[in-house]
Amino acid sequence: MLLAAFFFVGMDTIAKLLGPDYPVPQLLWARFGVHMLVILAFVAATGRKGRRLLTSVAPFGQILRGLLLLGSTSFAYLAVQELPLVQVYIINFTSPLIVTLLAIPLLGERIGGRRVLAICMGFTGVLVALGPHNITTDHALLLPACMALCFAMYQIATRHYGRDDPVLTSLFYTATAGAIVSTLLLPFFWTPIAAEDAWLFVLIGLFGAAGHISLIMAMRLAEASLVSPFLYSQLVWASLAGILIFGYYPAKNAFYGAALLVLAGILIVWSERRRPDLKTLS
């Protein structure tokens, strides 16, 4: 899970580096296209057994998952161009809170006192980290908010549609949906890739694939309640990337708010540790 956190932040850091020179659809094409090629290479290497992974029990639901992740990634790449990485991640970490809220009308779930406390704690953490004034005046904050909403919907769709398919099947459909849509958009946004940037276009896709594979392996090897909190180490990597690469030093209130948000996320995970479907969130 620590590796997954590192790869995801690495992917977004590359998107932030490339963003001033290349349009978002082209970055999405690299991210999902390379990801899809990695999965297809695995399928080809495993023969007939691998080809079975291409068949889904709920193909339209899997495609919906892929489109939601594509939406989340699109807003993420737009957000990192306008905001520091650590701010983007702080807002994105509200997605478990949004999942908890949306699961009531969409999945018919009930929430207990712990999860109500976690929701209140988490959104308070966002207010502390970003400052009430910034939230009401900085419209760029809507981008990571939309990112968090799409990612929450992606998790709910995964819980609903992904439970009957092997994990790699879900991973394949996720990559394929993003690759197809971004490829269709590519002719309208194409910018020639400089030779010195070509390896970054490959790396952004490799980091995305490696992050998801690491996440899946973590969920397979240990209980979600044990490993999920380690994904919050993205805040550490995002802070380091912001300082070392972009020269951004987070304010103290960002760390105080992030601490509240992390505690809220951990509380939600612990309250669901007996839920058998939690592992499907990968």
Protein backbone atom coordinates (compact mmCIF):
# COMPACT_ATOMS: atom_id res chain seq x y z
CA MET A 1 0.00 0.00 0.00
CA LEU A 2 2.93 2.32 0.63
CA LEU A 3 4.14 1.58 -2.90
CA ALA A 4 0.67 2.29 -4.28
CA ALA A 5 0.67 5.68 -2.54
CA PHE A 6 4.10 6.47 -3.98
CA PHE A 7 3.14 5.49 -7.53
CA PHE A 8 -0.11 7.49 -7.49
CA VAL A 9 1.63 10.64 -6.28
CA GLY A 10 4.40 10.05 -8.82
CA MET A 11 1.80 9.83 -11.58
CA ASP A 12 0.14 13.10 -10.53
CA THR A 13 3.52 14.80 -10.13
CA ILE A 14 4.38 13.94 -13.74
CA ALA A 15 0.98 15.26 -14.83
CA LYS A 16 1.75 18.53 -13.05
CA LEU A 17 5.15 18.73 -14.74
CA LEU A 18 3.77 18.03 -18.22
CA GLY A 19 0.56 20.03 -17.82
CA PRO A 20 1.87 23.45 -18.92
CA ASP A 21 3.02 22.03 -22.28
CA TYR A 22 0.42 19.35 -23.07
CA PRO A 23 -3.40 19.22 -22.89
CA VAL A 24 -5.13 17.00 -20.34
CA PRO A 25 -6.65 14.58 -22.94
CA GLN A 26 -3.14 13.79 -24.16
CA LEU A 27 -1.97 13.07 -20.61
CA LEU A 28 -5.01 10.85 -20.08
CA TRP A 29 -4.18 9.00 -23.31
CA ALA A 30 -0.70 8.23 -21.97
CA ARG A 31 -1.96 7.29 -18.51
CA PHE A 32 -4.70 4.87 -19.62
CA GLY A 33 -3.11 3.73 -22.90
CA VAL A 34 0.10 2.48 -21.29
CA HIS A 35 -1.96 0.98 -18.45
CA MET A 36 -4.04 -0.97 -20.99
CA LEU A 37 -0.90 -2.19 -22.79
CA VAL A 38 0.51 -3.51 -19.52
CA ILE A 39 -2.67 -5.53 -18.89
CA LEU A 40 -2.76 -6.82 -22.49
CA ALA A 41 0.88 -7.88 -22.21
CA PHE A 42 0.01 -9.86 -19.08
CA VAL A 43 -2.99 -11.45 -20.84
CA ALA A 44 -0.83 -12.42 -23.83
CA ALA A 45 1.83 -13.92 -21.55
CA THR A 46 -0.68 -16.08 -19.66
CA GLY A 47 -2.42 -17.49 -22.76
CA ARG A 48 -5.92 -18.91 -22.53
CA LYS A 49 -6.14 -18.38 -18.80
CA GLY A 50 -5.37 -14.70 -19.27
CA ARG A 51 -7.87 -14.28 -22.09
CA ARG A 52 -10.63 -15.40 -19.75
CA LEU A 53 -10.03 -12.19 -17.82
CA LEU A 54 -11.42 -10.22 -20.75
CA THR A 55 -14.93 -11.56 -20.10
CA SER A 56 -17.00 -9.72 -17.51
CA VAL A 57 -20.24 -10.69 -15.80
CA ALA A 58 -21.30 -7.02 -15.89
CA PRO A 59 -19.49 -5.39 -18.83
CA PHE A 60 -21.61 -2.22 -18.89
CA GLY A 61 -21.11 -1.74 -15.18
CA GLN A 62 -17.38 -2.20 -15.62
CA ILE A 63 -17.35 0.36 -18.42
CA LEU A 64 -19.21 2.77 -16.12
CA ARG A 65 -16.49 2.23 -13.50
CA GLY A 66 -13.83 3.03 -16.09
CA LEU A 67 -15.58 6.23 -17.16
CA LEU A 68 -15.93 7.38 -13.55
CA LEU A 69 -12.22 6.81 -12.95
CA LEU A 70 -11.49 8.65 -16.20
CA GLY A 71 -13.56 11.57 -14.89
CA SER A 72 -11.75 11.51 -11.56
CA THR A 73 -8.35 11.45 -13.26
CA SER A 74 -9.36 14.27 -15.63
CA PHE A 75 -10.30 16.53 -12.74
CA ALA A 76 -7.11 15.49 -10.93
CA TYR A 77 -4.89 16.52 -13.84
CA LEU A 78 -6.76 19.82 -14.16
CA ALA A 79 -6.51 20.39 -10.40
CA VAL A 80 -2.76 19.84 -10.12
CA GLN A 81 -2.22 22.59 -12.70
CA GLU A 82 -4.01 25.11 -10.48
CA LEU A 83 -3.26 23.93 -6.94
CA PRO A 84 -0.40 22.43 -4.91
CA LEU A 85 -0.38 18.64 -4.86
CA VAL A 86 -0.97 18.42 -1.12
CA GLN A 87 -4.15 20.54 -1.36
CA VAL A 88 -5.48 18.31 -4.13
CA TYR A 89 -4.89 15.20 -2.02
CA ILE A 90 -6.43 16.70 1.09
CA ILE A 91 -9.68 17.36 -0.78
CA ASN A 92 -9.55 13.98 -2.54
CA PHE A 93 -9.37 12.25 0.82
CA THR A 94 -12.96 13.30 1.38
CA SER A 95 -13.97 10.54 -1.07
CA PRO A 96 -14.42 7.91 1.71
CA LEU A 97 -16.74 10.37 3.45
CA ILE A 98 -18.69 10.90 0.23
CA VAL A 99 -18.89 7.14 -0.28
CA THR A 100 -20.38 6.79 3.18
CA LEU A 101 -22.99 9.46 2.44
CA LEU A 102 -23.88 8.20 -1.06
CA ALA A 103 -24.11 4.58 0.09
CA ILE A 104 -27.26 5.50 2.01
CA PRO A 105 -29.48 6.31 -1.00
CA LEU A 106 -27.59 4.27 -3.63
CA LEU A 107 -26.84 1.06 -1.72
CA GLY A 108 -29.45 1.26 1.04
CA GLU A 109 -26.79 1.21 3.76
CA ARG A 110 -27.18 2.63 7.26
CA ILE A 111 -24.54 4.64 9.04
CA GLY A 112 -23.85 4.40 12.74
CA GLY A 113 -22.53 6.88 15.23
CA ARG A 114 -18.87 6.25 14.40
CA ARG A 115 -19.31 7.03 10.74
CA VAL A 116 -21.38 10.15 11.49
CA LEU A 117 -18.54 11.30 13.75
CA ALA A 118 -16.01 10.49 11.02
CA ILE A 119 -17.93 12.51 8.42
CA CYS A 120 -18.12 15.55 10.70
CA MET A 121 -14.46 15.19 11.62
CA GLY A 122 -13.37 14.80 8.01
CA PHE A 123 -15.15 17.83 6.61
CA THR A 124 -13.95 19.88 9.59
CA GLY A 125 -10.44 18.79 8.66
CA VAL A 126 -10.92 20.12 5.12
CA LEU A 127 -12.11 23.48 6.50
CA VAL A 128 -9.09 23.67 8.81
CA ALA A 129 -6.61 22.62 6.11
CA LEU A 130 -7.81 24.97 3.39
CA GLY A 131 -9.33 27.78 5.40
CA PRO A 132 -13.01 28.82 5.15
CA HIS A 133 -12.09 31.97 3.20
CA ASN A 134 -10.20 30.04 0.51
CA ILE A 135 -13.01 27.52 0.13
CA THR A 136 -15.53 30.28 -0.64
CA THR A 137 -13.28 32.37 -2.91
CA ASP A 138 -10.90 29.98 -4.73
CA HIS A 139 -12.94 28.41 -7.51
CA ALA A 140 -10.05 26.11 -8.46
CA LEU A 141 -10.94 24.06 -5.36
CA LEU A 142 -14.01 22.84 -7.26
CA LEU A 143 -11.72 20.72 -9.46
CA PRO A 144 -10.45 18.37 -6.70
CA ALA A 145 -13.96 18.40 -5.21
CA CYS A 146 -15.29 17.01 -8.51
CA MET A 147 -12.37 14.60 -8.52
CA ALA A 148 -13.35 13.30 -5.08
CA LEU A 149 -17.01 12.97 -6.11
CA CYS A 150 -16.14 10.97 -9.25
CA PHE A 151 -13.77 8.76 -7.28
CA ALA A 152 -16.42 8.13 -4.64
CA MET A 153 -18.89 7.14 -7.37
CA TYR A 154 -16.18 4.90 -8.85
CA GLN A 155 -15.79 3.12 -5.51
CA ILE A 156 -19.54 2.62 -5.19
CA ALA A 157 -19.72 1.27 -8.75
CA THR A 158 -16.84 -1.07 -7.91
CA ARG A 159 -18.67 -2.31 -4.84
CA HIS A 160 -21.82 -2.92 -6.91
CA TYR A 161 -20.41 -4.25 -10.21
CA GLY A 162 -16.92 -5.49 -9.39
CA ARG A 163 -17.67 -8.15 -6.81
CA ASP A 164 -18.49 -10.89 -9.35
CA ASP A 165 -15.45 -10.39 -11.61
CA PRO A 166 -11.77 -11.18 -10.96
CA VAL A 167 -9.79 -8.15 -9.90
CA LEU A 168 -7.71 -8.10 -13.10
CA THR A 169 -10.91 -8.09 -15.16
CA SER A 170 -11.98 -4.91 -13.40
CA LEU A 171 -8.50 -3.49 -13.93
CA PHE A 172 -8.64 -4.27 -17.66
CA TYR A 173 -12.03 -2.64 -18.18
CA THR A 174 -10.96 0.39 -16.16
CA ALA A 175 -7.89 0.90 -18.35
CA THR A 176 -9.70 0.14 -21.62
CA ALA A 177 -12.57 2.59 -21.06
CA GLY A 178 -10.12 5.39 -20.31
CA ALA A 179 -7.85 4.48 -23.22
CA ILE A 180 -10.68 4.40 -25.78
CA VAL A 181 -12.25 7.72 -24.75
CA SER A 182 -8.92 9.54 -24.53
CA THR A 183 -7.85 8.12 -27.91
CA LEU A 184 -11.05 9.41 -29.52
CA LEU A 185 -10.36 12.87 -28.09
CA LEU A 186 -6.66 12.83 -28.95
CA PRO A 187 -6.86 14.15 -32.57
CA PHE A 188 -8.56 17.33 -31.32
CA PHE A 189 -5.91 18.05 -28.66
CA TRP A 190 -2.70 16.52 -30.00
CA THR A 191 0.51 18.42 -29.30
CA PRO A 192 3.82 17.06 -30.65
CA ILE A 193 5.76 15.37 -27.87
CA ALA A 194 9.28 16.65 -27.30
CA ALA A 195 11.94 13.95 -27.33
CA GLU A 196 12.97 14.74 -23.74
CA ASP A 197 9.36 14.30 -22.56
CA ALA A 198 8.62 10.96 -24.26
CA TRP A 199 9.84 8.88 -21.30
CA LEU A 200 7.57 10.85 -18.96
CA PHE A 201 4.55 9.94 -21.10
CA VAL A 202 5.47 6.27 -20.71
CA LEU A 203 6.20 6.67 -17.02
CA ILE A 204 2.84 8.27 -16.22
CA GLY A 205 1.07 5.14 -17.53
CA LEU A 206 3.48 2.75 -15.85
CA PHE A 207 3.02 4.53 -12.51
CA GLY A 208 -0.76 4.33 -12.89
CA ALA A 209 -0.67 0.60 -13.64
CA ALA A 210 1.87 -0.10 -10.90
CA GLY A 211 -0.21 1.85 -8.39
CA HIS A 212 -3.36 -0.14 -9.08
CA ILE A 213 -1.50 -3.47 -9.09
CA SER A 214 0.17 -2.60 -5.76
CA LEU A 215 -3.20 -1.62 -4.32
CA ILE A 216 -4.76 -4.91 -5.41
CA MET A 217 -1.86 -6.95 -4.01
CA ALA A 218 -2.13 -5.11 -0.69
CA MET A 219 -5.85 -5.86 -0.46
CA ARG A 220 -5.22 -9.52 -1.27
CA LEU A 221 -2.42 -9.97 1.28
CA ALA A 222 -4.01 -8.25 4.26
CA GLU A 223 -7.33 -6.96 5.58
CA ALA A 224 -8.46 -3.65 4.18
CA SER A 225 -8.76 -2.25 7.70
CA LEU A 226 -5.04 -2.88 8.18
CA VAL A 227 -3.62 -1.56 4.90
CA SER A 228 -6.06 1.15 3.78
CA PRO A 229 -4.81 3.79 6.25
CA PHE A 230 -1.32 3.49 4.73
CA LEU A 231 -2.70 5.08 1.56
CA TYR A 232 -2.73 8.35 3.51
CA SER A 233 1.05 8.36 3.12
CA GLN A 234 0.21 10.09 -0.18
CA LEU A 235 0.15 13.28 1.90
CA VAL A 236 3.80 12.73 2.78
CA TRP A 237 4.86 12.10 -0.83
CA ALA A 238 2.75 15.03 -2.08
CA SER A 239 4.32 17.35 0.49
CA LEU A 240 7.82 16.21 -0.45
CA ALA A 241 7.11 16.58 -4.17
CA GLY A 242 5.69 20.03 -3.57
CA ILE A 243 8.75 21.15 -1.60
CA LEU A 244 11.52 19.51 -3.66
CA ILE A 245 10.13 19.90 -7.18
CA PHE A 246 7.70 22.84 -7.10
CA GLY A 247 9.01 24.85 -4.13
CA TYR A 248 5.68 24.86 -2.27
CA TYR A 249 5.78 24.68 1.52
CA PRO A 250 2.40 23.73 3.08
CA ALA A 251 1.10 25.92 5.90
CA LYS A 252 0.75 24.47 9.41
CA ASN A 253 -3.04 24.46 9.22
CA ALA A 254 -2.80 22.11 6.22
CA PHE A 255 -1.16 19.48 8.42
CA TYR A 256 -3.64 19.99 11.26
CA GLY A 257 -6.58 19.59 8.90
CA ALA A 258 -4.99 16.65 7.14
CA ALA A 259 -4.53 14.92 10.51
CA LEU A 260 -8.27 15.27 11.23
CA LEU A 261 -9.09 13.97 7.75
CA VAL A 262 -6.78 10.97 8.14
CA LEU A 263 -8.31 10.12 11.53
CA ALA A 264 -11.77 10.33 9.98
CA GLY A 265 -10.78 7.97 7.18
CA ILE A 266 -9.25 5.49 9.60
CA LEU A 267 -12.39 5.61 11.74
CA ILE A 268 -14.53 4.76 8.71
CA VAL A 269 -12.25 1.84 7.77
CA TRP A 270 -12.33 0.46 11.31
CA SER A 271 -16.10 0.77 11.48
CA GLU A 272 -16.35 -1.34 8.31
CA ARG A 273 -13.69 -3.92 9.15
CA ARG A 274 -16.31 -6.66 9.45
CA ARG A 275 -17.80 -5.86 6.05
CA PRO A 276 -16.99 -8.66 3.55
CA ASP A 277 -17.33 -6.37 0.50
CA LEU A 278 -14.72 -3.81 1.58
CA LYS A 279 -12.00 -5.53 -0.41
CA THR A 280 -13.89 -4.90 -3.63
CA LEU A 281 -13.07 -1.22 -3.37
CA SER A 282 -9.75 -1.84 -5.10
